[in-house]
Amino acid sequence: MATHCYAVTEVKASAKGAVAYIQEESMNVPEWSSADAFADDEIWLSFEQGGWLEIGLTGGWNPENGGDCCTLHPFIAHAERVTAGGIQGYEEYVWGKVNADSLIHVKIEDPYLNGEWCEYIWNGPTTWSAVDCHKKAYWTKDSYWLEGGLEAASSNERVYNGARQEVAKVVNGGEWQAWTGSQYATVNGNLESVAGVMCIKPNPYSEHPGNAIYWVC
């Protein structure tokens, strides 16, 4: 894999969940037939002891039907386990037979405040649909870190992807709050700084902390 990069908003936050409106603006993965080529627009929630959950939109290859260059599908993923050697394993589910709209509203939350974390997709006009719930020993009752943005990978041909997001954290009582203190970052798979590959800046339509527009430069 030649390139695996991120453009994200990130904030250290002890929260009960995270919410995002994700508006897809472009998706094209020319090397979609390779399992190493994809683009995700998503939010992540991670824990101090290790591990994370994520949910969002994906394009490119997917394990259910092989995928294509440009169709959007909802997906979820989480770290399988955490050992003394770090995070081990990765589990993902893509709704490969479900074509998603370009606007999706997603949430990760511990609804019963007991360490069982659920991932939701808004199924309006008044309903959150829980698509997965898990409980793991290292998943605490509060988050440690929240992130939202773009992850993309390809070997030889550039991925074309861009989206914008509006995000919030969920606190006790279910109140949504801005990601105050958040920062923008572009990184590669080795968590080194990347310039000229990924771009991110404040969302011009809603400039509350954490809201962003991002794209493959």
Protein backbone atom coordinates (compact mmCIF):
# COMPACT_ATOMS: atom_id res chain seq x y z
CA MET A 1 0.00 0.00 0.00
CA ALA A 2 1.59 3.26 -1.10
CA THR A 3 -0.67 5.73 0.72
CA HIS A 4 -2.94 5.49 3.76
CA CYS A 5 -3.83 8.90 5.14
CA TYR A 6 -6.26 10.78 7.37
CA ALA A 7 -7.69 14.28 7.65
CA VAL A 8 -9.44 14.63 10.99
CA THR A 9 -10.82 16.87 13.67
CA GLU A 10 -9.75 15.54 17.05
CA VAL A 11 -10.38 16.38 20.68
CA LYS A 12 -9.57 14.79 24.02
CA ALA A 13 -12.95 14.36 25.68
CA SER A 14 -14.51 12.35 28.48
CA ALA A 15 -17.94 11.86 26.95
CA LYS A 16 -20.81 9.41 26.73
CA GLY A 17 -20.82 9.50 22.95
CA ALA A 18 -20.27 11.34 19.70
CA VAL A 19 -22.60 12.47 16.92
CA ALA A 20 -21.96 13.55 13.34
CA TYR A 21 -23.82 14.83 10.31
CA ILE A 22 -21.70 13.79 7.34
CA GLN A 23 -22.39 15.37 3.94
CA GLU A 24 -20.56 13.57 1.15
CA GLU A 25 -19.53 15.83 -1.73
CA SER A 26 -17.43 13.50 -3.92
CA MET A 27 -16.38 9.84 -3.99
CA ASN A 28 -14.25 8.06 -6.57
CA VAL A 29 -11.88 5.19 -5.82
CA PRO A 30 -10.28 4.18 -9.17
CA GLU A 31 -8.57 1.12 -7.64
CA TRP A 32 -11.77 -0.06 -6.01
CA SER A 33 -11.22 -3.72 -6.99
CA SER A 34 -8.28 -3.88 -4.58
CA ALA A 35 -9.04 -4.51 -0.92
CA ASP A 36 -6.42 -1.87 -0.10
CA ALA A 37 -8.28 0.95 -1.87
CA PHE A 38 -11.11 2.79 -0.12
CA ALA A 39 -12.29 6.10 1.29
CA ASP A 40 -14.22 6.51 4.56
CA ASP A 41 -15.96 9.55 5.99
CA GLU A 42 -16.54 8.73 9.63
CA ILE A 43 -16.35 9.42 13.34
CA TRP A 44 -14.21 7.53 15.85
CA LEU A 45 -14.55 7.17 19.61
CA SER A 46 -11.60 5.69 21.51
CA PHE A 47 -10.74 4.77 25.09
CA GLU A 48 -7.83 5.48 27.40
CA GLN A 49 -7.09 1.78 27.87
CA GLY A 50 -7.05 1.27 24.11
CA GLY A 51 -9.52 0.33 21.41
CA TRP A 52 -12.06 2.31 19.43
CA LEU A 53 -15.35 2.25 17.52
CA GLU A 54 -16.17 3.99 14.23
CA ILE A 55 -19.17 4.54 11.97
CA GLY A 56 -19.79 6.41 8.74
CA LEU A 57 -19.82 6.14 4.95
CA THR A 58 -17.41 4.13 2.81
CA GLY A 59 -16.63 3.89 -0.89
CA GLY A 60 -14.43 1.59 -2.96
CA TRP A 61 -13.88 -2.09 -2.21
CA ASN A 62 -16.08 -3.82 0.35
CA PRO A 63 -16.20 -7.46 1.49
CA GLU A 64 -19.93 -8.03 0.92
CA ASN A 65 -20.27 -7.44 -2.82
CA GLY A 66 -16.82 -6.32 -3.99
CA GLY A 67 -17.80 -2.67 -4.27
CA ASP A 68 -17.28 -0.16 -7.05
CA CYS A 69 -15.66 3.22 -7.56
CA CYS A 70 -18.29 5.60 -6.38
CA THR A 71 -21.27 4.12 -4.51
CA LEU A 72 -21.63 5.02 -0.84
CA HIS A 73 -22.41 2.40 1.81
CA PRO A 74 -22.84 2.70 5.59
CA PHE A 75 -20.30 0.83 7.70
CA ILE A 76 -19.21 0.22 11.28
CA ALA A 77 -15.93 -1.08 12.73
CA HIS A 78 -14.11 -1.59 16.01
CA ALA A 79 -10.82 -2.84 17.39
CA GLU A 80 -11.14 -6.52 18.19
CA ARG A 81 -9.02 -6.67 21.33
CA VAL A 82 -6.29 -4.89 23.28
CA THR A 83 -3.28 -6.67 24.75
CA ALA A 84 0.02 -5.61 26.31
CA GLY A 85 1.33 -5.41 22.75
CA GLY A 86 -1.34 -2.90 21.73
CA ILE A 87 -4.48 -3.13 19.58
CA GLN A 88 -4.88 -6.54 17.95
CA GLY A 89 -7.36 -7.20 15.17
CA TYR A 90 -10.03 -5.21 13.43
CA GLU A 91 -13.67 -6.06 12.78
CA GLU A 92 -15.73 -4.24 10.16
CA TYR A 93 -19.18 -4.59 8.66
CA VAL A 94 -20.18 -2.84 5.44
CA TRP A 95 -23.79 -2.80 4.26
CA GLY A 96 -22.59 -3.53 0.72
CA LYS A 97 -26.09 -4.05 -0.64
CA VAL A 98 -27.39 -0.82 0.87
CA ASN A 99 -26.68 2.33 -1.13
CA ALA A 100 -26.45 5.25 1.26
CA ASP A 101 -27.57 8.82 0.68
CA SER A 102 -24.88 11.47 0.47
CA LEU A 103 -26.05 12.82 3.85
CA ILE A 104 -25.91 10.51 6.84
CA HIS A 105 -26.47 11.18 10.55
CA VAL A 106 -24.59 8.79 12.85
CA LYS A 107 -23.97 8.37 16.57
CA ILE A 108 -21.83 6.30 18.95
CA GLU A 109 -23.16 6.22 22.51
CA ASP A 110 -23.19 4.28 25.77
CA PRO A 111 -26.98 4.63 26.28
CA TYR A 112 -27.18 2.92 29.66
CA LEU A 113 -23.91 4.31 31.04
CA ASN A 114 -22.60 0.79 31.68
CA GLY A 115 -19.77 0.42 29.16
CA GLU A 116 -21.93 -1.17 26.47
CA TRP A 117 -21.41 1.05 23.43
CA CYS A 118 -23.84 1.20 20.52
CA GLU A 119 -23.63 2.60 17.01
CA TYR A 120 -26.66 4.25 15.47
CA ILE A 121 -27.88 5.56 12.13
CA TRP A 122 -30.65 8.14 12.05
CA ASN A 123 -33.76 6.62 10.51
CA GLY A 124 -35.96 9.75 10.87
CA PRO A 125 -38.13 11.49 11.36
CA THR A 126 -37.78 10.65 15.07
CA THR A 127 -35.87 7.36 15.29
CA TRP A 128 -32.27 6.34 15.91
CA SER A 129 -31.71 2.77 14.69
CA ALA A 130 -29.12 0.84 16.71
CA VAL A 131 -27.07 -1.18 14.22
CA ASP A 132 -24.62 -2.72 16.69
CA CYS A 133 -23.96 -2.87 20.44
CA HIS A 134 -20.86 -4.30 22.09
CA LYS A 135 -19.28 -4.50 25.52
CA LYS A 136 -15.58 -5.20 25.99
CA ALA A 137 -13.47 -5.24 29.15
CA TYR A 138 -11.34 -2.30 28.03
CA TRP A 139 -14.27 -0.16 26.87
CA THR A 140 -14.84 2.18 29.78
CA LYS A 141 -17.99 4.15 30.52
CA ASP A 142 -16.45 7.34 29.14
CA SER A 143 -14.54 8.10 25.98
CA TYR A 144 -10.99 9.38 25.99
CA TRP A 145 -10.65 10.75 22.46
CA LEU A 146 -13.07 11.78 19.69
CA GLU A 147 -12.21 12.13 16.00
CA GLY A 148 -14.12 12.83 12.83
CA GLY A 149 -13.05 13.08 9.21
CA LEU A 150 -11.61 11.26 6.24
CA GLU A 151 -9.55 8.08 5.92
CA ALA A 152 -8.37 7.05 2.44
CA ALA A 153 -5.98 4.51 0.97
CA SER A 154 -4.75 3.46 -2.46
CA SER A 155 -1.64 2.01 -4.08
CA ASN A 156 -1.12 3.71 -7.44
CA GLU A 157 -4.08 5.92 -8.35
CA ARG A 158 -5.29 8.86 -6.30
CA VAL A 159 -8.58 8.58 -4.45
CA TYR A 160 -10.99 11.49 -5.00
CA ASN A 161 -13.02 12.21 -1.92
CA GLY A 162 -14.43 15.21 -0.11
CA ALA A 163 -17.04 15.80 2.56
CA ARG A 164 -18.05 18.11 5.36
CA GLN A 165 -19.17 17.33 8.89
CA GLU A 166 -20.94 18.79 11.88
CA VAL A 167 -20.11 17.04 15.15
CA ALA A 168 -21.07 17.04 18.82
CA LYS A 169 -20.18 15.11 21.93
CA VAL A 170 -22.83 13.48 24.11
CA VAL A 171 -22.56 14.18 27.84
CA ASN A 172 -24.48 12.92 30.88
CA GLY A 173 -28.18 13.48 30.44
CA GLY A 174 -27.92 13.18 26.67
CA GLU A 175 -27.02 16.82 26.00
CA TRP A 176 -25.00 17.52 22.87
CA GLN A 177 -22.04 19.88 23.15
CA ALA A 178 -19.45 21.26 20.73
CA TRP A 179 -15.96 19.78 20.45
CA THR A 180 -14.42 22.74 22.26
CA GLY A 181 -10.64 22.65 22.10
CA SER A 182 -10.55 20.42 19.02
CA GLN A 183 -7.75 20.60 16.48
CA TYR A 184 -7.36 19.74 12.81
CA ALA A 185 -4.76 17.19 11.74
CA THR A 186 -3.56 15.40 8.61
CA VAL A 187 -1.61 12.19 9.20
CA ASN A 188 -0.52 9.05 7.39
CA GLY A 189 -0.86 5.47 8.56
CA ASN A 190 2.30 5.85 10.66
CA LEU A 191 0.81 8.90 12.40
CA GLU A 192 3.34 11.22 10.79
CA SER A 193 2.40 14.66 9.54
CA VAL A 194 1.24 14.81 5.91
CA ALA A 195 1.38 17.91 3.74
CA GLY A 196 -0.11 18.19 0.27
CA VAL A 197 -2.05 14.92 0.42
CA MET A 198 -4.99 15.60 2.74
CA CYS A 199 -6.65 18.93 3.44
CA ILE A 200 -8.99 20.04 6.22
CA LYS A 201 -10.36 23.38 7.39
CA PRO A 202 -13.34 24.76 9.37
CA ASN A 203 -16.76 24.02 7.90
CA PRO A 204 -17.82 27.26 6.17
CA TYR A 205 -21.50 26.45 6.74
CA SER A 206 -21.17 25.88 10.49
CA GLU A 207 -17.98 26.95 12.23
CA HIS A 208 -18.66 25.53 15.69
CA PRO A 209 -15.58 23.77 17.17
CA GLY A 210 -14.95 20.42 15.49
CA ASN A 211 -17.01 21.07 12.38
CA ALA A 212 -14.90 20.71 9.27
CA ILE A 213 -14.67 20.32 5.51
CA TYR A 214 -12.01 17.92 4.27
CA TRP A 215 -10.81 16.39 1.02
CA VAL A 216 -7.97 14.61 -0.76
CA CYS A 217 -5.89 17.53 -1.98
